[in-house]
Amino acid sequence: MAAEEVLQTVDHYKTEIERLTKELTETTHEKIQAAEYGLVVLEEKLTLKQQYDELEAEYDSLKQELEQLKENKSLKSSPLGAPRMASGDSSSSRVSNPAVIP
């Protein structure tokens, strides 16, 4: 009987080794998949960060340009910054100077 018990124990251990080997293989595969997924997420994060930085720089540039346009507009609408009339404007040539007597 002892030899039969030894064979059963050996078979039990072989079965257990096969089960553990299979489980280790599956776990290793899942670990590799998780690492690959993590790399994809990191690459996407980097891409999104670059896009964010580009958009933020464009926003700052457009904001500065808008401020300059607002300043230019306020200068043009103020009396000191009012634009001159074009030389082809006939209304300016019709204005007479009351101090000058013809």
N, C-alpha and C. Protein backbone atom coordinates (compact mmCIF):
# COMPACT_ATOMS: atom_id res chain seq x y z
N MET A 1 0.79 -1.20 0.00
CA MET A 1 0.00 0.00 0.00
C MET A 1 0.84 1.27 0.00
N ALA A 2 1.96 1.24 0.58
CA ALA A 2 2.79 2.42 0.69
C ALA A 2 3.19 2.94 -0.68
N ALA A 3 3.48 2.04 -1.60
CA ALA A 3 3.88 2.44 -2.95
C ALA A 3 2.71 3.11 -3.67
N GLU A 4 1.52 2.60 -3.44
CA GLU A 4 0.33 3.19 -4.06
C GLU A 4 0.06 4.59 -3.51
N GLU A 5 0.26 4.77 -2.22
CA GLU A 5 0.08 6.09 -1.60
C GLU A 5 1.11 7.08 -2.12
N VAL A 6 2.31 6.62 -2.34
CA VAL A 6 3.37 7.48 -2.87
C VAL A 6 3.00 7.92 -4.29
N LEU A 7 2.50 7.00 -5.09
CA LEU A 7 2.10 7.33 -6.45
C LEU A 7 0.95 8.34 -6.45
N GLN A 8 0.00 8.17 -5.55
CA GLN A 8 -1.11 9.13 -5.44
C GLN A 8 -0.60 10.50 -5.02
N THR A 9 0.31 10.52 -4.10
CA THR A 9 0.89 11.78 -3.63
C THR A 9 1.67 12.44 -4.76
N VAL A 10 2.43 11.66 -5.52
CA VAL A 10 3.19 12.19 -6.65
C VAL A 10 2.23 12.74 -7.70
N ASP A 11 1.17 12.01 -8.00
CA ASP A 11 0.17 12.48 -8.96
C ASP A 11 -0.49 13.78 -8.46
N HIS A 12 -0.78 13.81 -7.17
CA HIS A 12 -1.37 15.01 -6.59
C HIS A 12 -0.43 16.22 -6.76
N TYR A 13 0.84 15.99 -6.47
CA TYR A 13 1.81 17.08 -6.61
C TYR A 13 1.98 17.50 -8.07
N LYS A 14 1.98 16.54 -8.99
CA LYS A 14 2.08 16.86 -10.41
C LYS A 14 0.88 17.71 -10.84
N THR A 15 -0.30 17.31 -10.41
CA THR A 15 -1.51 18.07 -10.74
C THR A 15 -1.43 19.48 -10.16
N GLU A 16 -0.96 19.56 -8.94
CA GLU A 16 -0.85 20.88 -8.28
C GLU A 16 0.19 21.75 -9.00
N ILE A 17 1.30 21.16 -9.42
CA ILE A 17 2.33 21.90 -10.16
C ILE A 17 1.77 22.39 -11.49
N GLU A 18 1.03 21.56 -12.20
CA GLU A 18 0.42 21.96 -13.47
C GLU A 18 -0.57 23.13 -13.25
N ARG A 19 -1.38 23.02 -12.20
CA ARG A 19 -2.35 24.08 -11.90
C ARG A 19 -1.64 25.39 -11.58
N LEU A 20 -0.62 25.31 -10.75
CA LEU A 20 0.12 26.52 -10.36
C LEU A 20 0.88 27.11 -11.54
N THR A 21 1.43 26.26 -12.40
CA THR A 21 2.14 26.74 -13.59
C THR A 21 1.19 27.47 -14.52
N LYS A 22 0.01 26.87 -14.71
CA LYS A 22 -1.01 27.51 -15.56
C LYS A 22 -1.44 28.85 -14.96
N GLU A 23 -1.68 28.87 -13.67
CA GLU A 23 -2.08 30.11 -12.99
C GLU A 23 -0.99 31.17 -13.09
N LEU A 24 0.27 30.76 -12.94
CA LEU A 24 1.39 31.70 -13.06
C LEU A 24 1.47 32.27 -14.47
N THR A 25 1.28 31.40 -15.46
CA THR A 25 1.30 31.85 -16.86
C THR A 25 0.20 32.87 -17.12
N GLU A 26 -1.00 32.58 -16.65
CA GLU A 26 -2.13 33.50 -16.83
C GLU A 26 -1.88 34.82 -16.11
N THR A 27 -1.39 34.75 -14.90
CA THR A 27 -1.13 35.96 -14.12
C THR A 27 -0.03 36.79 -14.78
N THR A 28 0.99 36.14 -15.29
CA THR A 28 2.07 36.85 -15.98
C THR A 28 1.53 37.53 -17.23
N HIS A 29 0.68 36.83 -17.98
CA HIS A 29 0.07 37.41 -19.18
C HIS A 29 -0.78 38.63 -18.82
N GLU A 30 -1.58 38.51 -17.76
CA GLU A 30 -2.41 39.64 -17.32
C GLU A 30 -1.54 40.83 -16.88
N LYS A 31 -0.43 40.53 -16.23
CA LYS A 31 0.49 41.57 -15.78
C LYS A 31 1.10 42.31 -16.97
N ILE A 32 1.47 41.55 -18.01
CA ILE A 32 2.03 42.15 -19.22
C ILE A 32 0.98 43.01 -19.92
N GLN A 33 -0.25 42.51 -20.01
CA GLN A 33 -1.33 43.30 -20.61
C GLN A 33 -1.57 44.59 -19.84
N ALA A 34 -1.56 44.51 -18.53
CA ALA A 34 -1.75 45.70 -17.70
C ALA A 34 -0.62 46.71 -17.92
N ALA A 35 0.60 46.21 -18.04
CA ALA A 35 1.74 47.10 -18.28
C ALA A 35 1.62 47.77 -19.65
N GLU A 36 1.22 47.00 -20.67
CA GLU A 36 1.03 47.58 -22.01
C GLU A 36 -0.07 48.63 -22.00
N TYR A 37 -1.17 48.34 -21.31
CA TYR A 37 -2.26 49.30 -21.20
C TYR A 37 -1.79 50.56 -20.48
N GLY A 38 -0.99 50.37 -19.43
CA GLY A 38 -0.45 51.52 -18.71
C GLY A 38 0.41 52.40 -19.60
N LEU A 39 1.20 51.79 -20.47
CA LEU A 39 2.02 52.55 -21.41
C LEU A 39 1.16 53.34 -22.39
N VAL A 40 0.08 52.71 -22.86
CA VAL A 40 -0.83 53.41 -23.78
C VAL A 40 -1.45 54.61 -23.07
N VAL A 41 -1.85 54.42 -21.83
CA VAL A 41 -2.45 55.52 -21.06
C VAL A 41 -1.44 56.65 -20.86
N LEU A 42 -0.21 56.29 -20.54
CA LEU A 42 0.83 57.32 -20.35
C LEU A 42 1.11 58.08 -21.65
N GLU A 43 1.15 57.36 -22.77
CA GLU A 43 1.37 58.03 -24.06
C GLU A 43 0.22 58.97 -24.38
N GLU A 44 -1.01 58.52 -24.11
CA GLU A 44 -2.18 59.37 -24.36
C GLU A 44 -2.15 60.59 -23.44
N LYS A 45 -1.74 60.39 -22.21
CA LYS A 45 -1.64 61.51 -21.27
C LYS A 45 -0.61 62.53 -21.78
N LEU A 46 0.51 62.05 -22.27
CA LEU A 46 1.54 62.93 -22.79
C LEU A 46 1.02 63.71 -24.00
N THR A 47 0.32 63.02 -24.89
CA THR A 47 -0.26 63.68 -26.06
C THR A 47 -1.25 64.76 -25.64
N LEU A 48 -2.12 64.42 -24.70
CA LEU A 48 -3.11 65.39 -24.22
C LEU A 48 -2.44 66.57 -23.52
N LYS A 49 -1.37 66.31 -22.79
CA LYS A 49 -0.64 67.40 -22.12
C LYS A 49 -0.03 68.33 -23.15
N GLN A 50 0.53 67.77 -24.23
CA GLN A 50 1.11 68.59 -25.28
C GLN A 50 0.02 69.42 -25.97
N GLN A 51 -1.12 68.80 -26.24
CA GLN A 51 -2.23 69.53 -26.86
C GLN A 51 -2.71 70.64 -25.94
N TYR A 52 -2.79 70.35 -24.64
CA TYR A 52 -3.21 71.35 -23.66
C TYR A 52 -2.24 72.52 -23.65
N ASP A 53 -0.95 72.21 -23.62
CA ASP A 53 0.07 73.28 -23.60
C ASP A 53 -0.02 74.14 -24.86
N GLU A 54 -0.23 73.50 -26.01
CA GLU A 54 -0.36 74.25 -27.27
C GLU A 54 -1.60 75.14 -27.25
N LEU A 55 -2.71 74.59 -26.78
CA LEU A 55 -3.94 75.38 -26.72
C LEU A 55 -3.83 76.52 -25.71
N GLU A 56 -3.16 76.26 -24.61
CA GLU A 56 -2.97 77.31 -23.61
C GLU A 56 -2.10 78.44 -24.17
N ALA A 57 -1.06 78.08 -24.91
CA ALA A 57 -0.20 79.10 -25.52
C ALA A 57 -0.98 79.90 -26.57
N GLU A 58 -1.79 79.20 -27.36
CA GLU A 58 -2.62 79.88 -28.36
C GLU A 58 -3.63 80.80 -27.68
N TYR A 59 -4.21 80.33 -26.59
CA TYR A 59 -5.16 81.14 -25.83
C TYR A 59 -4.49 82.42 -25.32
N ASP A 60 -3.32 82.26 -24.73
CA ASP A 60 -2.60 83.43 -24.21
C ASP A 60 -2.27 84.41 -25.33
N SER A 61 -1.86 83.88 -26.47
CA SER A 61 -1.53 84.73 -27.61
C SER A 61 -2.76 85.47 -28.10
N LEU A 62 -3.88 84.75 -28.23
CA LEU A 62 -5.11 85.40 -28.69
C LEU A 62 -5.64 86.40 -27.67
N LYS A 63 -5.47 86.10 -26.41
CA LYS A 63 -5.90 87.02 -25.35
C LYS A 63 -5.08 88.31 -25.43
N GLN A 64 -3.78 88.18 -25.64
CA GLN A 64 -2.92 89.35 -25.76
C GLN A 64 -3.29 90.14 -27.01
N GLU A 65 -3.55 89.45 -28.11
CA GLU A 65 -3.94 90.12 -29.35
C GLU A 65 -5.27 90.86 -29.16
N LEU A 66 -6.21 90.26 -28.46
CA LEU A 66 -7.49 90.90 -28.19
C LEU A 66 -7.29 92.17 -27.35
N GLU A 67 -6.44 92.08 -26.36
CA GLU A 67 -6.17 93.27 -25.53
C GLU A 67 -5.56 94.39 -26.37
N GLN A 68 -4.66 94.04 -27.27
CA GLN A 68 -4.06 95.05 -28.14
C GLN A 68 -5.10 95.66 -29.07
N LEU A 69 -5.99 94.83 -29.59
CA LEU A 69 -7.05 95.35 -30.45
C LEU A 69 -7.98 96.27 -29.67
N LYS A 70 -8.28 95.91 -28.43
CA LYS A 70 -9.13 96.77 -27.60
C LYS A 70 -8.44 98.12 -27.34
N GLU A 71 -7.14 98.06 -27.08
CA GLU A 71 -6.39 99.30 -26.86
C GLU A 71 -6.38 100.15 -28.12
N ASN A 72 -6.14 99.53 -29.26
CA ASN A 72 -6.15 100.27 -30.52
C ASN A 72 -7.51 100.89 -30.79
N LYS A 73 -8.56 100.15 -30.50
CA LYS A 73 -9.91 100.65 -30.72
C LYS A 73 -10.19 101.83 -29.80
N SER A 74 -9.78 101.73 -28.55
CA SER A 74 -10.03 102.83 -27.62
C SER A 74 -9.20 104.06 -28.00
N LEU A 75 -8.01 103.85 -28.56
CA LEU A 75 -7.20 104.98 -29.01
C LEU A 75 -7.84 105.65 -30.22
N LYS A 76 -8.39 104.87 -31.11
CA LYS A 76 -9.02 105.42 -32.31
C LYS A 76 -10.30 106.18 -31.98
N SER A 77 -11.00 105.73 -30.96
CA SER A 77 -12.26 106.39 -30.61
C SER A 77 -12.06 107.59 -29.70
N SER A 78 -10.89 107.73 -29.13
CA SER A 78 -10.64 108.90 -28.28
C SER A 78 -10.30 110.10 -29.16
N PRO A 79 -10.53 111.34 -28.67
CA PRO A 79 -10.28 112.55 -29.47
C PRO A 79 -8.82 112.66 -29.93
N LEU A 80 -7.90 112.27 -29.11
CA LEU A 80 -6.49 112.40 -29.49
C LEU A 80 -6.09 111.36 -30.52
N GLY A 81 -6.75 110.22 -30.47
CA GLY A 81 -6.37 109.16 -31.38
C GLY A 81 -7.31 109.02 -32.55
N ALA A 82 -8.17 110.02 -32.77
CA ALA A 82 -9.14 109.94 -33.86
C ALA A 82 -8.42 109.93 -35.20
N PRO A 83 -8.86 109.10 -36.10
CA PRO A 83 -8.19 109.03 -37.41
C PRO A 83 -8.48 110.27 -38.24
N ARG A 84 -7.51 110.62 -39.06
CA ARG A 84 -7.69 111.76 -39.96
C ARG A 84 -8.61 111.37 -41.09
N MET A 85 -9.26 112.36 -41.68
CA MET A 85 -10.13 112.10 -42.81
C MET A 85 -9.27 111.95 -44.05
N ALA A 86 -9.74 111.13 -44.92
CA ALA A 86 -9.00 110.91 -46.16
C ALA A 86 -9.03 112.17 -47.01
N SER A 87 -8.01 112.34 -47.84
CA SER A 87 -7.92 113.55 -48.66
C SER A 87 -9.03 113.61 -49.69
N GLY A 88 -9.61 112.47 -50.03
CA GLY A 88 -10.69 112.45 -51.01
C GLY A 88 -12.04 112.78 -50.40
N ASP A 89 -12.10 113.05 -49.11
CA ASP A 89 -13.38 113.34 -48.45
C ASP A 89 -13.77 114.77 -48.76
N SER A 90 -14.86 114.93 -49.47
CA SER A 90 -15.26 116.26 -49.94
C SER A 90 -15.85 117.11 -48.84
N SER A 91 -16.31 116.51 -47.74
CA SER A 91 -16.93 117.31 -46.69
C SER A 91 -15.92 118.19 -45.99
N SER A 92 -14.65 117.76 -45.91
CA SER A 92 -13.65 118.56 -45.21
C SER A 92 -13.25 119.78 -46.04
N SER A 93 -13.37 119.69 -47.34
CA SER A 93 -12.98 120.84 -48.16
C SER A 93 -14.08 121.89 -48.19
N ARG A 94 -15.30 121.58 -47.82
CA ARG A 94 -16.41 122.53 -47.85
C ARG A 94 -16.51 123.33 -46.56
N VAL A 95 -15.84 122.91 -45.54
CA VAL A 95 -15.91 123.63 -44.27
C VAL A 95 -15.19 124.95 -44.42
N SER A 96 -15.89 125.99 -44.09
CA SER A 96 -15.26 127.32 -44.21
C SER A 96 -14.83 127.80 -42.86
N ASN A 97 -13.80 128.58 -42.86
CA ASN A 97 -13.28 129.15 -41.65
C ASN A 97 -13.97 130.48 -41.41
N PRO A 98 -14.76 130.65 -40.36
CA PRO A 98 -15.50 131.89 -40.14
C PRO A 98 -14.59 133.10 -39.92
N ALA A 99 -13.35 132.86 -39.51
CA ALA A 99 -12.47 134.00 -39.28
C ALA A 99 -11.94 134.57 -40.58
N VAL A 100 -12.00 133.81 -41.63
CA VAL A 100 -11.49 134.27 -42.91
C VAL A 100 -12.65 134.92 -43.68
N ILE A 101 -12.51 136.15 -44.07
CA ILE A 101 -13.56 136.83 -44.80
C ILE A 101 -13.17 136.82 -46.27
N PRO A 102 -14.07 136.33 -47.11
CA PRO A 102 -13.72 136.29 -48.53
C PRO A 102 -13.71 137.64 -49.18
